[in-house]
């Protein structure tokens, strides 16, 4: 499986007439280029959880998502790259035909556990997985551990109704 490659990240100019009219210049940070499955912000969310799991001696990752969740697929791929087993708690009943996302996650080694929507909403952990050997990653991979790491170096800019979600602050040298 292909490794994560941060050297593939580019910044591409965004040309839109509405921006040109307002004399606004914008660039797009292309995080989707780092890996075909663990792309975009997924790596930057999952990475810290996986590192923490390894430091804690955990070999099993448990996370949540729906039938088309890119978080489920990214977690399956990241766990495979890091030799960790993983389980996805999937919202709803198992369909007669799995989504392409779930098929691929299963092919990458993720065990899928389908749960009732009411249990999913409360993030109830099934008895079989409610053990200390599992490291739990929140749905979507976003949580306090990620915030602590990203907060010092990433900011959100909101100006004139144009949202730029990830603006890298220059590090002082």
C-alpha atoms as a PDB file:
ATOM      1  CA  UNK A   1       0.000   0.000   0.000  1.00  0.00           C
ATOM      2  CA  UNK A   2       1.208   3.490  -0.838  1.00  0.00           C
ATOM      3  CA  UNK A   3       2.635   5.503   2.064  1.00  0.00           C
ATOM      4  CA  UNK A   4       1.474   8.943   3.135  1.00  0.00           C
ATOM      5  CA  UNK A   5       3.528  11.481   1.187  1.00  0.00           C
ATOM      6  CA  UNK A   6       3.303  15.055   2.410  1.00  0.00           C
ATOM      7  CA  UNK A   7       5.605  16.209  -0.399  1.00  0.00           C
ATOM      8  CA  UNK A   8       2.671  15.805  -2.794  1.00  0.00           C
ATOM      9  CA  UNK A   9       0.771  18.668  -1.123  1.00  0.00           C
ATOM     10  CA  UNK A  10       0.477  21.653  -3.431  1.00  0.00           C
ATOM     11  CA  UNK A  11      -1.138  25.058  -3.334  1.00  0.00           C
ATOM     12  CA  UNK A  12      -3.102  25.748  -6.497  1.00  0.00           C
ATOM     13  CA  UNK A  13      -4.408  29.149  -7.563  1.00  0.00           C
ATOM     14  CA  UNK A  14      -8.195  29.444  -7.570  1.00  0.00           C
ATOM     15  CA  UNK A  15      -9.639  31.534 -10.394  1.00  0.00           C
ATOM     16  CA  UNK A  16     -13.305  32.483 -10.031  1.00  0.00           C
ATOM     17  CA  UNK A  17     -14.926  35.489 -11.677  1.00  0.00           C
ATOM     18  CA  UNK A  18     -16.616  36.539  -8.435  1.00  0.00           C
ATOM     19  CA  UNK A  19     -13.238  36.648  -6.697  1.00  0.00           C
ATOM     20  CA  UNK A  20     -11.611  38.569  -9.545  1.00  0.00           C
ATOM     21  CA  UNK A  21     -14.421  41.156  -9.439  1.00  0.00           C
ATOM     22  CA  UNK A  22     -13.672  41.777  -5.759  1.00  0.00           C
ATOM     23  CA  UNK A  23      -9.913  41.659  -6.357  1.00  0.00           C
ATOM     24  CA  UNK A  24      -9.608  38.691  -4.033  1.00  0.00           C
ATOM     25  CA  UNK A  25      -6.853  36.167  -4.620  1.00  0.00           C
ATOM     26  CA  UNK A  26      -7.292  32.647  -3.296  1.00  0.00           C
ATOM     27  CA  UNK A  27      -5.276  29.455  -3.230  1.00  0.00           C
ATOM     28  CA  UNK A  28      -6.435  25.916  -2.557  1.00  0.00           C
ATOM     29  CA  UNK A  29      -4.323  23.741  -0.266  1.00  0.00           C
ATOM     30  CA  UNK A  30      -4.409  20.335  -2.003  1.00  0.00           C
ATOM     31  CA  UNK A  31      -4.317  17.885   0.905  1.00  0.00           C
ATOM     32  CA  UNK A  32      -6.135  15.363  -1.263  1.00  0.00           C
ATOM     33  CA  UNK A  33      -2.835  14.557  -2.974  1.00  0.00           C
ATOM     34  CA  UNK A  34      -1.083  12.939   0.004  1.00  0.00           C
ATOM     35  CA  UNK A  35      -2.728   9.526  -0.369  1.00  0.00           C
ATOM     36  CA  UNK A  36      -5.573   8.047  -2.441  1.00  0.00           C
ATOM     37  CA  UNK A  37      -7.527   6.847   0.634  1.00  0.00           C
ATOM     38  CA  UNK A  38      -6.183   8.824   3.584  1.00  0.00           C
ATOM     39  CA  UNK A  39      -6.422  12.205   1.946  1.00  0.00           C
ATOM     40  CA  UNK A  40      -7.531  15.694   2.798  1.00  0.00           C
ATOM     41  CA  UNK A  41      -7.628  16.405   6.478  1.00  0.00           C
ATOM     42  CA  UNK A  42      -8.098  12.726   7.371  1.00  0.00           C
ATOM     43  CA  UNK A  43      -4.382  12.033   7.836  1.00  0.00           C
ATOM     44  CA  UNK A  44      -3.924  15.097  10.006  1.00  0.00           C
ATOM     45  CA  UNK A  45      -6.781  13.894  12.235  1.00  0.00           C
ATOM     46  CA  UNK A  46      -5.937  10.182  12.350  1.00  0.00           C
ATOM     47  CA  UNK A  47      -2.196  10.491  12.733  1.00  0.00           C
ATOM     48  CA  UNK A  48      -2.243  11.707  16.337  1.00  0.00           C
ATOM     49  CA  UNK A  49      -4.758   9.100  17.442  1.00  0.00           C
ATOM     50  CA  UNK A  50      -2.727   6.299  15.880  1.00  0.00           C
ATOM     51  CA  UNK A  51       0.474   7.564  17.486  1.00  0.00           C
ATOM     52  CA  UNK A  52      -1.258   7.756  20.866  1.00  0.00           C
ATOM     53  CA  UNK A  53      -2.707   4.252  20.440  1.00  0.00           C
ATOM     54  CA  UNK A  54       0.744   2.834  19.724  1.00  0.00           C
ATOM     55  CA  UNK A  55       2.238   4.694  22.706  1.00  0.00           C
ATOM     56  CA  UNK A  56      -0.479   3.179  24.909  1.00  0.00           C
ATOM     57  CA  UNK A  57       0.289  -0.296  23.547  1.00  0.00           C
ATOM     58  CA  UNK A  58      -3.111  -0.641  21.853  1.00  0.00           C
ATOM     59  CA  UNK A  59      -3.317  -2.893  18.831  1.00  0.00           C
ATOM     60  CA  UNK A  60      -7.015  -2.405  18.050  1.00  0.00           C
ATOM     61  CA  UNK A  61      -8.688   0.769  16.811  1.00  0.00           C
ATOM     62  CA  UNK A  62     -12.435   1.295  17.071  1.00  0.00           C
ATOM     63  CA  UNK A  63     -14.272   4.122  15.313  1.00  0.00           C
ATOM     64  CA  UNK A  64     -17.696   5.114  14.022  1.00  0.00           C
ATOM     65  CA  UNK A  65     -19.197   5.989  10.647  1.00  0.00           C
ATOM     66  CA  UNK A  66     -21.903   5.438   8.091  1.00  0.00           C
ATOM     67  CA  UNK A  67     -22.069   3.256   5.000  1.00  0.00           C
ATOM     68  CA  UNK A  68     -20.391   5.906   2.810  1.00  0.00           C
ATOM     69  CA  UNK A  69     -18.039   7.344   5.438  1.00  0.00           C
ATOM     70  CA  UNK A  70     -14.660   8.425   4.104  1.00  0.00           C
ATOM     71  CA  UNK A  71     -13.496   8.412   7.751  1.00  0.00           C
ATOM     72  CA  UNK A  72     -14.188   4.662   7.940  1.00  0.00           C
ATOM     73  CA  UNK A  73     -12.219   4.040   4.747  1.00  0.00           C
ATOM     74  CA  UNK A  74      -9.346   6.336   5.756  1.00  0.00           C
ATOM     75  CA  UNK A  75      -9.135   4.662   9.176  1.00  0.00           C
ATOM     76  CA  UNK A  76      -9.033   1.205   7.593  1.00  0.00           C
ATOM     77  CA  UNK A  77      -6.200   2.268   5.268  1.00  0.00           C
ATOM     78  CA  UNK A  78      -4.236   4.082   7.999  1.00  0.00           C
ATOM     79  CA  UNK A  79      -4.550   1.090  10.331  1.00  0.00           C
ATOM     80  CA  UNK A  80      -3.351  -1.273   7.609  1.00  0.00           C
ATOM     81  CA  UNK A  81      -0.304   0.966   7.007  1.00  0.00           C
ATOM     82  CA  UNK A  82       0.436   0.936  10.758  1.00  0.00           C
ATOM     83  CA  UNK A  83      -0.207  -2.788  11.349  1.00  0.00           C
ATOM     84  CA  UNK A  84      -3.170  -2.114  13.634  1.00  0.00           C
ATOM     85  CA  UNK A  85      -6.423  -4.023  13.571  1.00  0.00           C
ATOM     86  CA  UNK A  86      -9.566  -1.932  13.348  1.00  0.00           C
ATOM     87  CA  UNK A  87     -13.294  -2.129  13.808  1.00  0.00           C
ATOM     88  CA  UNK A  88     -15.861   0.213  12.363  1.00  0.00           C
ATOM     89  CA  UNK A  89     -19.142   0.653  14.211  1.00  0.00           C
ATOM     90  CA  UNK A  90     -21.476   1.265  11.282  1.00  0.00           C
ATOM     91  CA  UNK A  91     -24.728   3.187  11.665  1.00  0.00           C
ATOM     92  CA  UNK A  92     -27.792   1.124  10.711  1.00  0.00           C
ATOM     93  CA  UNK A  93     -28.520  -2.437   9.653  1.00  0.00           C
ATOM     94  CA  UNK A  94     -26.250  -4.299   7.291  1.00  0.00           C
ATOM     95  CA  UNK A  95     -27.619  -3.885   3.784  1.00  0.00           C
ATOM     96  CA  UNK A  96     -27.897  -6.911   1.483  1.00  0.00           C
ATOM     97  CA  UNK A  97     -25.317  -5.183  -0.708  1.00  0.00           C
ATOM     98  CA  UNK A  98     -22.566  -3.205   1.053  1.00  0.00           C
ATOM     99  CA  UNK A  99     -21.544   0.228  -0.174  1.00  0.00           C
ATOM    100  CA  UNK A 100     -18.303   0.467  -2.156  1.00  0.00           C
ATOM    101  CA  UNK A 101     -16.791   2.273   0.838  1.00  0.00           C
ATOM    102  CA  UNK A 102     -17.551  -0.560   3.246  1.00  0.00           C
ATOM    103  CA  UNK A 103     -16.422  -3.215   0.770  1.00  0.00           C
ATOM    104  CA  UNK A 104     -13.070  -1.460   0.432  1.00  0.00           C
ATOM    105  CA  UNK A 105     -12.746  -0.925   4.203  1.00  0.00           C
ATOM    106  CA  UNK A 106     -13.396  -4.630   4.771  1.00  0.00           C
ATOM    107  CA  UNK A 107     -10.842  -5.547   2.077  1.00  0.00           C
ATOM    108  CA  UNK A 108      -8.306  -3.407   3.971  1.00  0.00           C
ATOM    109  CA  UNK A 109      -8.946  -5.516   7.068  1.00  0.00           C
ATOM    110  CA  UNK A 110     -11.561  -3.509   8.957  1.00  0.00           C
ATOM    111  CA  UNK A 111     -14.092  -5.544  10.875  1.00  0.00           C
ATOM    112  CA  UNK A 112     -17.562  -4.038  10.421  1.00  0.00           C
ATOM    113  CA  UNK A 113     -20.121  -4.068  13.213  1.00  0.00           C
ATOM    114  CA  UNK A 114     -23.580  -2.797  12.294  1.00  0.00           C
ATOM    115  CA  UNK A 115     -25.620  -1.214  15.066  1.00  0.00           C
ATOM    116  CA  UNK A 116     -29.064   0.237  15.578  1.00  0.00           C
ATOM    117  CA  UNK A 117     -29.294   3.950  14.889  1.00  0.00           C
ATOM    118  CA  UNK A 118     -30.345   4.666  18.492  1.00  0.00           C
ATOM    119  CA  UNK A 119     -27.238   2.906  19.831  1.00  0.00           C
ATOM    120  CA  UNK A 120     -25.091   4.647  17.243  1.00  0.00           C
ATOM    121  CA  UNK A 121     -26.362   8.086  18.288  1.00  0.00           C
ATOM    122  CA  UNK A 122     -25.302   7.482  21.877  1.00  0.00           C
ATOM    123  CA  UNK A 123     -22.013   5.939  20.687  1.00  0.00           C
ATOM    124  CA  UNK A 124     -22.814   2.806  22.667  1.00  0.00           C
ATOM    125  CA  UNK A 125     -19.899   0.413  22.374  1.00  0.00           C
ATOM    126  CA  UNK A 126     -21.014  -3.168  21.737  1.00  0.00           C
ATOM    127  CA  UNK A 127     -20.134  -5.536  24.574  1.00  0.00           C
ATOM    128  CA  UNK A 128     -17.653  -7.481  22.441  1.00  0.00           C
ATOM    129  CA  UNK A 129     -15.607  -4.295  21.884  1.00  0.00           C
ATOM    130  CA  UNK A 130     -15.992  -2.685  25.288  1.00  0.00           C
ATOM    131  CA  UNK A 131     -12.534  -3.709  26.394  1.00  0.00           C
ATOM    132  CA  UNK A 132      -9.422  -1.797  27.358  1.00  0.00           C
ATOM    133  CA  UNK A 133      -7.482  -3.237  24.412  1.00  0.00           C
ATOM    134  CA  UNK A 134      -9.390  -0.944  22.013  1.00  0.00           C
ATOM    135  CA  UNK A 135      -8.367   2.613  21.273  1.00  0.00           C
ATOM    136  CA  UNK A 136     -11.451   4.647  20.349  1.00  0.00           C
ATOM    137  CA  UNK A 137     -11.303   7.335  17.679  1.00  0.00           C
ATOM    138  CA  UNK A 138     -14.331   9.653  17.590  1.00  0.00           C
ATOM    139  CA  UNK A 139     -16.666   9.711  14.596  1.00  0.00           C
ATOM    140  CA  UNK A 140     -15.025  11.655  11.795  1.00  0.00           C
ATOM    141  CA  UNK A 141     -11.689  11.597  13.631  1.00  0.00           C
ATOM    142  CA  UNK A 142     -12.125  15.002  15.183  1.00  0.00           C
ATOM    143  CA  UNK A 143     -11.668  15.419  18.916  1.00  0.00           C
ATOM    144  CA  UNK A 144      -9.702  17.012  21.720  1.00  0.00           C
ATOM    145  CA  UNK A 145      -6.405  15.310  20.856  1.00  0.00           C
ATOM    146  CA  UNK A 146      -6.449  16.811  17.366  1.00  0.00           C
ATOM    147  CA  UNK A 147      -7.449  20.258  18.612  1.00  0.00           C
ATOM    148  CA  UNK A 148      -4.528  20.345  21.022  1.00  0.00           C
ATOM    149  CA  UNK A 149      -2.079  19.621  18.231  1.00  0.00           C
ATOM    150  CA  UNK A 150      -3.538  21.880  15.540  1.00  0.00           C
ATOM    151  CA  UNK A 151      -4.570  24.877  17.587  1.00  0.00           C
ATOM    152  CA  UNK A 152      -1.164  26.600  17.781  1.00  0.00           C
ATOM    153  CA  UNK A 153      -0.374  26.422  14.080  1.00  0.00           C
ATOM    154  CA  UNK A 154      -3.693  26.620  12.233  1.00  0.00           C
ATOM    155  CA  UNK A 155      -6.227  29.421  12.250  1.00  0.00           C
ATOM    156  CA  UNK A 156      -9.646  29.989  10.778  1.00  0.00           C
ATOM    157  CA  UNK A 157     -10.163  33.143   8.792  1.00  0.00           C
ATOM    158  CA  UNK A 158     -13.644  34.480   8.193  1.00  0.00           C
ATOM    159  CA  UNK A 159     -13.805  37.700   6.235  1.00  0.00           C
ATOM    160  CA  UNK A 160     -16.492  39.124   3.939  1.00  0.00           C
ATOM    161  CA  UNK A 161     -18.375  35.783   3.946  1.00  0.00           C
ATOM    162  CA  UNK A 162     -15.427  33.992   2.329  1.00  0.00           C
ATOM    163  CA  UNK A 163     -14.303  31.078   4.466  1.00  0.00           C
ATOM    164  CA  UNK A 164     -10.756  29.859   4.289  1.00  0.00           C
ATOM    165  CA  UNK A 165     -10.635  26.832   6.554  1.00  0.00           C
ATOM    166  CA  UNK A 166      -6.954  26.136   6.822  1.00  0.00           C
ATOM    167  CA  UNK A 167      -4.488  28.980   6.676  1.00  0.00           C
ATOM    168  CA  UNK A 168      -1.004  28.046   7.767  1.00  0.00           C
ATOM    169  CA  UNK A 169       0.611  30.605  10.022  1.00  0.00           C
ATOM    170  CA  UNK A 170       4.276  31.122   9.346  1.00  0.00           C
ATOM    171  CA  UNK A 171       6.396  29.696  12.120  1.00  0.00           C
ATOM    172  CA  UNK A 172       8.672  32.242  13.765  1.00  0.00           C
ATOM    173  CA  UNK A 173      12.294  31.299  13.388  1.00  0.00           C
END
